[in-house]
Amino acid sequence: MSMHPLQVVPKEEREAGKLSAGWSPRTVLLVQLVAGTILVFVLGTWLVWLSVYLQRHFAEEDIRLACKRVMPESAERCYDTVIIQRGGARR
């Protein structure tokens, strides 16, 4: 088994090879910035949607429980009436 001889490559040639083979550091920074902005926007939108959904769900559950306490025999009618009066949930 013989070893291949090593060759010394000057620093200028190494750097020239890196720049021609890949993106410039400025382009990489721009791509990372755009990707990060999109990721933050998507995550923020999802969190807003989740908070609105949970708030609405808990409000509906509170209305249902209050209607069952006050009018157990017609709780569904009470719930529908309150929701309509509030202009809230669509069934």
PDB file of N, CA and C in Angstrom:
ATOM      1  N   MET A   1       0.858  -1.160   0.000  1.00  0.00           N
ATOM      2  CA  MET A   1       0.000   0.000   0.000  1.00  0.00           C
ATOM      3  C   MET A   1       0.909   1.229   0.000  1.00  0.00           C
ATOM      4  N   SER A   2       0.734   2.042  -0.990  1.00  0.00           N
ATOM      5  CA  SER A   2       1.566   3.233  -1.073  1.00  0.00           C
ATOM      6  C   SER A   2       0.720   4.477  -0.838  1.00  0.00           C
ATOM      7  N   MET A   3       1.329   5.455  -0.243  1.00  0.00           N
ATOM      8  CA  MET A   3       0.616   6.704   0.034  1.00  0.00           C
ATOM      9  C   MET A   3       0.800   7.650  -1.137  1.00  0.00           C
ATOM     10  N   HIS A   4      -0.238   8.362  -1.425  1.00  0.00           N
ATOM     11  CA  HIS A   4      -0.167   9.347  -2.492  1.00  0.00           C
ATOM     12  C   HIS A   4       0.552  10.592  -1.980  1.00  0.00           C
ATOM     13  N   PRO A   5       1.325  11.181  -2.805  1.00  0.00           N
ATOM     14  CA  PRO A   5       2.029  12.391  -2.346  1.00  0.00           C
ATOM     15  C   PRO A   5       1.050  13.547  -2.138  1.00  0.00           C
ATOM     16  N   LEU A   6       1.285  14.334  -1.127  1.00  0.00           N
ATOM     17  CA  LEU A   6       0.440  15.493  -0.829  1.00  0.00           C
ATOM     18  C   LEU A   6       0.932  16.692  -1.623  1.00  0.00           C
ATOM     19  N   GLN A   7       0.002  17.537  -1.963  1.00  0.00           N
ATOM     20  CA  GLN A   7       0.352  18.725  -2.735  1.00  0.00           C
ATOM     21  C   GLN A   7      -0.098  19.953  -1.950  1.00  0.00           C
ATOM     22  N   VAL A   8       0.739  20.925  -1.836  1.00  0.00           N
ATOM     23  CA  VAL A   8       0.419  22.157  -1.127  1.00  0.00           C
ATOM     24  C   VAL A   8      -0.322  23.074  -2.092  1.00  0.00           C
ATOM     25  N   VAL A   9      -1.505  23.546  -1.647  1.00  0.00           N
ATOM     26  CA  VAL A   9      -2.309  24.459  -2.462  1.00  0.00           C
ATOM     27  C   VAL A   9      -2.243  25.832  -1.819  1.00  0.00           C
ATOM     28  N   PRO A  10      -1.816  26.827  -2.562  1.00  0.00           N
ATOM     29  CA  PRO A  10      -1.734  28.184  -2.003  1.00  0.00           C
ATOM     30  C   PRO A  10      -3.107  28.676  -1.524  1.00  0.00           C
ATOM     31  N   LYS A  11      -3.089  29.556  -0.531  1.00  0.00           N
ATOM     32  CA  LYS A  11      -4.313  30.074   0.080  1.00  0.00           C
ATOM     33  C   LYS A  11      -5.207  30.768  -0.944  1.00  0.00           C
ATOM     34  N   GLU A  12      -4.641  31.498  -1.875  1.00  0.00           N
ATOM     35  CA  GLU A  12      -5.424  32.223  -2.886  1.00  0.00           C
ATOM     36  C   GLU A  12      -6.247  31.251  -3.736  1.00  0.00           C
ATOM     37  N   GLU A  13      -5.651  30.124  -4.096  1.00  0.00           N
ATOM     38  CA  GLU A  13      -6.371  29.148  -4.914  1.00  0.00           C
ATOM     39  C   GLU A  13      -7.498  28.489  -4.131  1.00  0.00           C
ATOM     40  N   ARG A  14      -7.261  28.228  -2.839  1.00  0.00           N
ATOM     41  CA  ARG A  14      -8.322  27.627  -2.008  1.00  0.00           C
ATOM     42  C   ARG A  14      -9.511  28.579  -1.905  1.00  0.00           C
ATOM     43  N   GLU A  15      -9.247  29.836  -1.636  1.00  0.00           N
ATOM     44  CA  GLU A  15     -10.327  30.809  -1.505  1.00  0.00           C
ATOM     45  C   GLU A  15     -11.042  31.025  -2.826  1.00  0.00           C
ATOM     46  N   ALA A  16     -10.307  31.049  -3.922  1.00  0.00           N
ATOM     47  CA  ALA A  16     -10.919  31.221  -5.241  1.00  0.00           C
ATOM     48  C   ALA A  16     -11.825  30.037  -5.546  1.00  0.00           C
ATOM     49  N   GLY A  17     -11.420  28.846  -5.172  1.00  0.00           N
ATOM     50  CA  GLY A  17     -12.244  27.653  -5.392  1.00  0.00           C
ATOM     51  C   GLY A  17     -13.519  27.689  -4.573  1.00  0.00           C
ATOM     52  N   LYS A  18     -13.432  28.183  -3.345  1.00  0.00           N
ATOM     53  CA  LYS A  18     -14.617  28.276  -2.493  1.00  0.00           C
ATOM     54  C   LYS A  18     -15.626  29.259  -3.057  1.00  0.00           C
ATOM     55  N   LEU A  19     -15.161  30.395  -3.503  1.00  0.00           N
ATOM     56  CA  LEU A  19     -16.080  31.417  -4.003  1.00  0.00           C
ATOM     57  C   LEU A  19     -16.732  30.993  -5.315  1.00  0.00           C
ATOM     58  N   SER A  20     -15.996  30.343  -6.162  1.00  0.00           N
ATOM     59  CA  SER A  20     -16.581  29.966  -7.443  1.00  0.00           C
ATOM     60  C   SER A  20     -17.525  28.780  -7.290  1.00  0.00           C
ATOM     61  N   ALA A  21     -17.315  27.923  -6.285  1.00  0.00           N
ATOM     62  CA  ALA A  21     -18.135  26.731  -6.119  1.00  0.00           C
ATOM     63  C   ALA A  21     -19.419  27.016  -5.339  1.00  0.00           C
ATOM     64  N   GLY A  22     -19.447  28.047  -4.510  1.00  0.00           N
ATOM     65  CA  GLY A  22     -20.607  28.292  -3.667  1.00  0.00           C
ATOM     66  C   GLY A  22     -21.131  29.707  -3.792  1.00  0.00           C
ATOM     67  N   TRP A  23     -22.017  30.042  -2.852  1.00  0.00           N
ATOM     68  CA  TRP A  23     -22.594  31.376  -2.819  1.00  0.00           C
ATOM     69  C   TRP A  23     -21.677  32.308  -2.047  1.00  0.00           C
ATOM     70  N   SER A  24     -21.817  33.580  -2.321  1.00  0.00           N
ATOM     71  CA  SER A  24     -21.036  34.552  -1.560  1.00  0.00           C
ATOM     72  C   SER A  24     -21.639  34.669  -0.153  1.00  0.00           C
ATOM     73  N   PRO A  25     -20.849  35.092   0.810  1.00  0.00           N
ATOM     74  CA  PRO A  25     -21.362  35.233   2.178  1.00  0.00           C
ATOM     75  C   PRO A  25     -22.556  36.186   2.261  1.00  0.00           C
ATOM     76  N   ARG A  26     -22.570  37.172   1.420  1.00  0.00           N
ATOM     77  CA  ARG A  26     -23.683  38.124   1.418  1.00  0.00           C
ATOM     78  C   ARG A  26     -24.984  37.453   0.953  1.00  0.00           C
ATOM     79  N   THR A  27     -24.876  36.584  -0.055  1.00  0.00           N
ATOM     80  CA  THR A  27     -26.048  35.868  -0.551  1.00  0.00           C
ATOM     81  C   THR A  27     -26.568  34.886   0.501  1.00  0.00           C
ATOM     82  N   VAL A  28     -25.651  34.211   1.178  1.00  0.00           N
ATOM     83  CA  VAL A  28     -26.043  33.277   2.233  1.00  0.00           C
ATOM     84  C   VAL A  28     -26.786  34.025   3.335  1.00  0.00           C
ATOM     85  N   LEU A  29     -26.290  35.182   3.718  1.00  0.00           N
ATOM     86  CA  LEU A  29     -26.931  35.993   4.751  1.00  0.00           C
ATOM     87  C   LEU A  29     -28.333  36.416   4.319  1.00  0.00           C
ATOM     88  N   LEU A  30     -28.466  36.820   3.071  1.00  0.00           N
ATOM     89  CA  LEU A  30     -29.772  37.230   2.561  1.00  0.00           C
ATOM     90  C   LEU A  30     -30.756  36.066   2.552  1.00  0.00           C
ATOM     91  N   VAL A  31     -30.310  34.892   2.132  1.00  0.00           N
ATOM     92  CA  VAL A  31     -31.181  33.717   2.118  1.00  0.00           C
ATOM     93  C   VAL A  31     -31.608  33.355   3.541  1.00  0.00           C
ATOM     94  N   GLN A  32     -30.681  33.396   4.485  1.00  0.00           N
ATOM     95  CA  GLN A  32     -31.019  33.111   5.876  1.00  0.00           C
ATOM     96  C   GLN A  32     -32.007  34.128   6.428  1.00  0.00           C
ATOM     97  N   LEU A  33     -31.831  35.377   6.083  1.00  0.00           N
ATOM     98  CA  LEU A  33     -32.738  36.428   6.543  1.00  0.00           C
ATOM     99  C   LEU A  33     -34.147  36.211   6.000  1.00  0.00           C
ATOM    100  N   VAL A  34     -34.253  35.917   4.728  1.00  0.00           N
ATOM    101  CA  VAL A  34     -35.568  35.686   4.116  1.00  0.00           C
ATOM    102  C   VAL A  34     -36.226  34.441   4.717  1.00  0.00           C
ATOM    103  N   ALA A  35     -35.462  33.353   4.858  1.00  0.00           N
ATOM    104  CA  ALA A  35     -36.008  32.120   5.435  1.00  0.00           C
ATOM    105  C   ALA A  35     -36.448  32.345   6.881  1.00  0.00           C
ATOM    106  N   GLY A  36     -35.658  33.071   7.642  1.00  0.00           N
ATOM    107  CA  GLY A  36     -36.029  33.363   9.030  1.00  0.00           C
ATOM    108  C   GLY A  36     -37.277  34.211   9.127  1.00  0.00           C
ATOM    109  N   THR A  37     -37.393  35.190   8.245  1.00  0.00           N
ATOM    110  CA  THR A  37     -38.582  36.056   8.237  1.00  0.00           C
ATOM    111  C   THR A  37     -39.834  35.251   7.912  1.00  0.00           C
ATOM    112  N   ILE A  38     -39.730  34.376   6.931  1.00  0.00           N
ATOM    113  CA  ILE A  38     -40.883  33.540   6.565  1.00  0.00           C
ATOM    114  C   ILE A  38     -41.252  32.609   7.717  1.00  0.00           C
ATOM    115  N   LEU A  39     -40.260  32.011   8.352  1.00  0.00           N
ATOM    116  CA  LEU A  39     -40.509  31.115   9.477  1.00  0.00           C
ATOM    117  C   LEU A  39     -41.186  31.847  10.634  1.00  0.00           C
ATOM    118  N   VAL A  40     -40.715  33.026  10.967  1.00  0.00           N
ATOM    119  CA  VAL A  40     -41.311  33.811  12.054  1.00  0.00           C
ATOM    120  C   VAL A  40     -42.747  34.195  11.700  1.00  0.00           C
ATOM    121  N   PHE A  41     -42.999  34.574  10.453  1.00  0.00           N
ATOM    122  CA  PHE A  41     -44.344  34.940  10.021  1.00  0.00           C
ATOM    123  C   PHE A  41     -45.301  33.748  10.128  1.00  0.00           C
ATOM    124  N   VAL A  42     -44.865  32.589   9.667  1.00  0.00           N
ATOM    125  CA  VAL A  42     -45.720  31.392   9.721  1.00  0.00           C
ATOM    126  C   VAL A  42     -45.995  30.993  11.165  1.00  0.00           C
ATOM    127  N   LEU A  43     -44.973  30.994  11.995  1.00  0.00           N
ATOM    128  CA  LEU A  43     -45.142  30.636  13.399  1.00  0.00           C
ATOM    129  C   LEU A  43     -46.048  31.640  14.120  1.00  0.00           C
ATOM    130  N   GLY A  44     -45.859  32.912  13.863  1.00  0.00           N
ATOM    131  CA  GLY A  44     -46.702  33.931  14.491  1.00  0.00           C
ATOM    132  C   GLY A  44     -48.148  33.821  14.069  1.00  0.00           C
ATOM    133  N   THR A  45     -48.374  33.562  12.783  1.00  0.00           N
ATOM    134  CA  THR A  45     -49.743  33.398  12.287  1.00  0.00           C
ATOM    135  C   THR A  45     -50.407  32.202  12.947  1.00  0.00           C
ATOM    136  N   TRP A  46     -49.666  31.101  13.058  1.00  0.00           N
ATOM    137  CA  TRP A  46     -50.223  29.902  13.679  1.00  0.00           C
ATOM    138  C   TRP A  46     -50.554  30.160  15.148  1.00  0.00           C
ATOM    139  N   LEU A  47     -49.696  30.865  15.864  1.00  0.00           N
ATOM    140  CA  LEU A  47     -49.960  31.145  17.278  1.00  0.00           C
ATOM    141  C   LEU A  47     -51.179  32.042  17.455  1.00  0.00           C
ATOM    142  N   VAL A  48     -51.356  33.022  16.583  1.00  0.00           N
ATOM    143  CA  VAL A  48     -52.544  33.881  16.651  1.00  0.00           C
ATOM    144  C   VAL A  48     -53.795  33.057  16.396  1.00  0.00           C
ATOM    145  N   TRP A  49     -53.757  32.199  15.369  1.00  0.00           N
ATOM    146  CA  TRP A  49     -54.910  31.350  15.062  1.00  0.00           C
ATOM    147  C   TRP A  49     -55.233  30.450  16.250  1.00  0.00           C
ATOM    148  N   LEU A  50     -54.203  29.834  16.853  1.00  0.00           N
ATOM    149  CA  LEU A  50     -54.418  28.940  17.989  1.00  0.00           C
ATOM    150  C   LEU A  50     -55.034  29.686  19.173  1.00  0.00           C
ATOM    151  N   SER A  51     -54.559  30.878  19.453  1.00  0.00           N
ATOM    152  CA  SER A  51     -55.103  31.623  20.596  1.00  0.00           C
ATOM    153  C   SER A  51     -56.552  32.024  20.362  1.00  0.00           C
ATOM    154  N   VAL A  52     -56.886  32.419  19.142  1.00  0.00           N
ATOM    155  CA  VAL A  52     -58.283  32.760  18.828  1.00  0.00           C
ATOM    156  C   VAL A  52     -59.167  31.526  18.952  1.00  0.00           C
ATOM    157  N   TYR A  53     -58.689  30.395  18.437  1.00  0.00           N
ATOM    158  CA  TYR A  53     -59.457  29.151  18.506  1.00  0.00           C
ATOM    159  C   TYR A  53     -59.708  28.750  19.963  1.00  0.00           C
ATOM    160  N   LEU A  54     -58.662  28.779  20.792  1.00  0.00           N
ATOM    161  CA  LEU A  54     -58.817  28.384  22.194  1.00  0.00           C
ATOM    162  C   LEU A  54     -59.728  29.341  22.954  1.00  0.00           C
ATOM    163  N   GLN A  55     -59.594  30.631  22.700  1.00  0.00           N
ATOM    164  CA  GLN A  55     -60.451  31.599  23.378  1.00  0.00           C
ATOM    165  C   GLN A  55     -61.915  31.364  23.022  1.00  0.00           C
ATOM    166  N   ARG A  56     -62.176  31.122  21.756  1.00  0.00           N
ATOM    167  CA  ARG A  56     -63.548  30.870  21.310  1.00  0.00           C
ATOM    168  C   ARG A  56     -64.091  29.577  21.912  1.00  0.00           C
ATOM    169  N   HIS A  57     -63.252  28.542  21.939  1.00  0.00           N
ATOM    170  CA  HIS A  57     -63.670  27.252  22.495  1.00  0.00           C
ATOM    171  C   HIS A  57     -64.035  27.390  23.978  1.00  0.00           C
ATOM    172  N   PHE A  58     -63.175  28.070  24.750  1.00  0.00           N
ATOM    173  CA  PHE A  58     -63.453  28.223  26.178  1.00  0.00           C
ATOM    174  C   PHE A  58     -64.678  29.101  26.428  1.00  0.00           C
ATOM    175  N   ALA A  59     -64.886  30.119  25.606  1.00  0.00           N
ATOM    176  CA  ALA A  59     -66.073  30.972  25.756  1.00  0.00           C
ATOM    177  C   ALA A  59     -67.343  30.157  25.479  1.00  0.00           C
ATOM    178  N   GLU A  60     -67.320  29.334  24.436  1.00  0.00           N
ATOM    179  CA  GLU A  60     -68.478  28.495  24.127  1.00  0.00           C
ATOM    180  C   GLU A  60     -68.752  27.504  25.255  1.00  0.00           C
ATOM    181  N   GLU A  61     -67.694  26.935  25.812  1.00  0.00           N
ATOM    182  CA  GLU A  61     -67.857  25.989  26.913  1.00  0.00           C
ATOM    183  C   GLU A  61     -68.441  26.684  28.143  1.00  0.00           C
ATOM    184  N   ASP A  62     -68.007  27.915  28.438  1.00  0.00           N
ATOM    185  CA  ASP A  62     -68.577  28.666  29.555  1.00  0.00           C
ATOM    186  C   ASP A  62     -70.064  28.931  29.344  1.00  0.00           C
ATOM    187  N   ILE A  63     -70.439  29.282  28.120  1.00  0.00           N
ATOM    188  CA  ILE A  63     -71.853  29.535  27.816  1.00  0.00           C
ATOM    189  C   ILE A  63     -72.661  28.260  27.994  1.00  0.00           C
ATOM    190  N   ARG A  64     -72.143  27.143  27.493  1.00  0.00           N
ATOM    191  CA  ARG A  64     -72.846  25.858  27.630  1.00  0.00           C
ATOM    192  C   ARG A  64     -73.074  25.505  29.094  1.00  0.00           C
ATOM    193  N   LEU A  65     -72.035  25.641  29.911  1.00  0.00           N
ATOM    194  CA  LEU A  65     -72.160  25.303  31.331  1.00  0.00           C
ATOM    195  C   LEU A  65     -73.137  26.238  32.037  1.00  0.00           C
ATOM    196  N   ALA A  66     -73.103  27.518  31.699  1.00  0.00           N
ATOM    197  CA  ALA A  66     -74.043  28.466  32.324  1.00  0.00           C
ATOM    198  C   ALA A  66     -75.479  28.127  31.933  1.00  0.00           C
ATOM    199  N   CYS A  67     -75.704  27.775  30.684  1.00  0.00           N
ATOM    200  CA  CYS A  67     -77.056  27.420  30.242  1.00  0.00           C
ATOM    201  C   CYS A  67     -77.538  26.141  30.921  1.00  0.00           C
ATOM    202  N   LYS A  68     -76.645  25.173  31.119  1.00  0.00           N
ATOM    203  CA  LYS A  68     -77.047  23.931  31.807  1.00  0.00           C
ATOM    204  C   LYS A  68     -77.390  24.202  33.265  1.00  0.00           C
ATOM    205  N   ARG A  69     -76.689  25.161  33.885  1.00  0.00           N
ATOM    206  CA  ARG A  69     -76.980  25.511  35.281  1.00  0.00           C
ATOM    207  C   ARG A  69     -78.320  26.230  35.402  1.00  0.00           C
ATOM    208  N   VAL A  70     -78.568  27.172  34.500  1.00  0.00           N
ATOM    209  CA  VAL A  70     -79.751  28.019  34.617  1.00  0.00           C
ATOM    210  C   VAL A  70     -80.996  27.338  34.062  1.00  0.00           C
ATOM    211  N   MET A  71     -80.865  26.711  32.914  1.00  0.00           N
ATOM    212  CA  MET A  71     -82.027  26.104  32.237  1.00  0.00           C
ATOM    213  C   MET A  71     -81.672  24.677  31.788  1.00  0.00           C
ATOM    214  N   PRO A  72     -81.592  23.727  32.718  1.00  0.00           N
ATOM    215  CA  PRO A  72     -81.162  22.375  32.342  1.00  0.00           C
ATOM    216  C   PRO A  72     -82.079  21.692  31.323  1.00  0.00           C
ATOM    217  N   GLU A  73     -83.346  22.019  31.336  1.00  0.00           N
ATOM    218  CA  GLU A  73     -84.287  21.353  30.424  1.00  0.00           C
ATOM    219  C   GLU A  73     -84.171  21.865  28.989  1.00  0.00           C
ATOM    220  N   SER A  74     -83.696  23.075  28.796  1.00  0.00           N
ATOM    221  CA  SER A  74     -83.566  23.617  27.434  1.00  0.00           C
ATOM    222  C   SER A  74     -82.189  24.280  27.255  1.00  0.00           C
ATOM    223  N   ALA A  75     -81.157  23.551  27.631  1.00  0.00           N
ATOM    224  CA  ALA A  75     -79.795  24.097  27.595  1.00  0.00           C
ATOM    225  C   ALA A  75     -79.334  24.381  26.163  1.00  0.00           C
ATOM    226  N   GLU A  76     -79.674  23.513  25.224  1.00  0.00           N
ATOM    227  CA  GLU A  76     -79.258  23.720  23.832  1.00  0.00           C
ATOM    228  C   GLU A  76     -79.922  24.966  23.242  1.00  0.00           C
ATOM    229  N   ARG A  77     -81.179  25.156  23.541  1.00  0.00           N
ATOM    230  CA  ARG A  77     -81.886  26.354  23.046  1.00  0.00           C
ATOM    231  C   ARG A  77     -81.263  27.614  23.646  1.00  0.00           C
ATOM    232  N   CYS A  78     -80.961  27.579  24.922  1.00  0.00           N
ATOM    233  CA  CYS A  78     -80.319  28.704  25.597  1.00  0.00           C
ATOM    234  C   CYS A  78     -78.966  28.998  24.947  1.00  0.00           C
ATOM    235  N   TYR A  79     -78.177  27.955  24.717  1.00  0.00           N
ATOM    236  CA  TYR A  79     -76.856  28.107  24.099  1.00  0.00           C
ATOM    237  C   TYR A  79     -76.988  28.752  22.722  1.00  0.00           C
ATOM    238  N   ASP A  80     -77.890  28.232  21.902  1.00  0.00           N
ATOM    239  CA  ASP A  80     -78.084  28.787  20.556  1.00  0.00           C
ATOM    240  C   ASP A  80     -78.493  30.258  20.617  1.00  0.00           C
ATOM    241  N   THR A  81     -79.378  30.585  21.542  1.00  0.00           N
ATOM    242  CA  THR A  81     -79.846  31.964  21.666  1.00  0.00           C
ATOM    243  C   THR A  81     -78.699  32.906  22.050  1.00  0.00           C
ATOM    244  N   VAL A  82     -77.905  32.502  23.013  1.00  0.00           N
ATOM    245  CA  VAL A  82     -76.793  33.341  23.458  1.00  0.00           C
ATOM    246  C   VAL A  82     -75.776  33.523  22.339  1.00  0.00           C
ATOM    247  N   ILE A  83     -75.475  32.468  21.630  1.00  0.00           N
ATOM    248  CA  ILE A  83     -74.507  32.545  20.531  1.00  0.00           C
ATOM    249  C   ILE A  83     -75.028  33.483  19.436  1.00  0.00           C
ATOM    250  N   ILE A  84     -76.297  33.366  19.111  1.00  0.00           N
ATOM    251  CA  ILE A  84     -76.879  34.241  18.079  1.00  0.00           C
ATOM    252  C   ILE A  84     -76.849  35.696  18.536  1.00  0.00           C
ATOM    253  N   GLN A  85     -77.189  35.939  19.811  1.00  0.00           N
ATOM    254  CA  GLN A  85     -77.199  37.305  20.325  1.00  0.00           C
ATOM    255  C   GLN A  85     -75.804  37.919  20.324  1.00  0.00           C
ATOM    256  N   ARG A  86     -74.810  37.122  20.554  1.00  0.00           N
ATOM    257  CA  ARG A  86     -73.430  37.611  20.545  1.00  0.00           C
ATOM    258  C   ARG A  86     -72.872  37.746  19.132  1.00  0.00           C
ATOM    259  N   GLY A  87     -73.563  37.169  18.160  1.00  0.00           N
ATOM    260  CA  GLY A  87     -73.049  37.187  16.795  1.00  0.00           C
ATOM    261  C   GLY A  87     -71.822  36.321  16.646  1.00  0.00           C
ATOM    262  N   GLY A  88     -71.765  35.267  17.438  1.00  0.00           N
ATOM    263  CA  GLY A  88     -70.559  34.448  17.523  1.00  0.00           C
ATOM    264  C   GLY A  88     -70.539  33.243  16.632  1.00  0.00           C
ATOM    265  N   ALA A  89     -70.331  32.114  17.252  1.00  0.00           N
ATOM    266  CA  ALA A  89     -70.014  30.853  16.563  1.00  0.00           C
ATOM    267  C   ALA A  89     -71.080  30.460  15.550  1.00  0.00           C
ATOM    268  N   ARG A  90     -70.605  29.915  14.468  1.00  0.00           N
ATOM    269  CA  ARG A  90     -71.491  29.356  13.446  1.00  0.00           C
ATOM    270  C   ARG A  90     -71.532  27.860  13.638  1.00  0.00           C
ATOM    271  N   ARG A  91     -72.709  27.293  13.549  1.00  0.00           N
ATOM    272  CA  ARG A  91     -72.839  25.841  13.740  1.00  0.00           C
ATOM    273  C   ARG A  91     -73.005  25.159  12.434  1.00  0.00           C
TER     274      ARG A  91
END
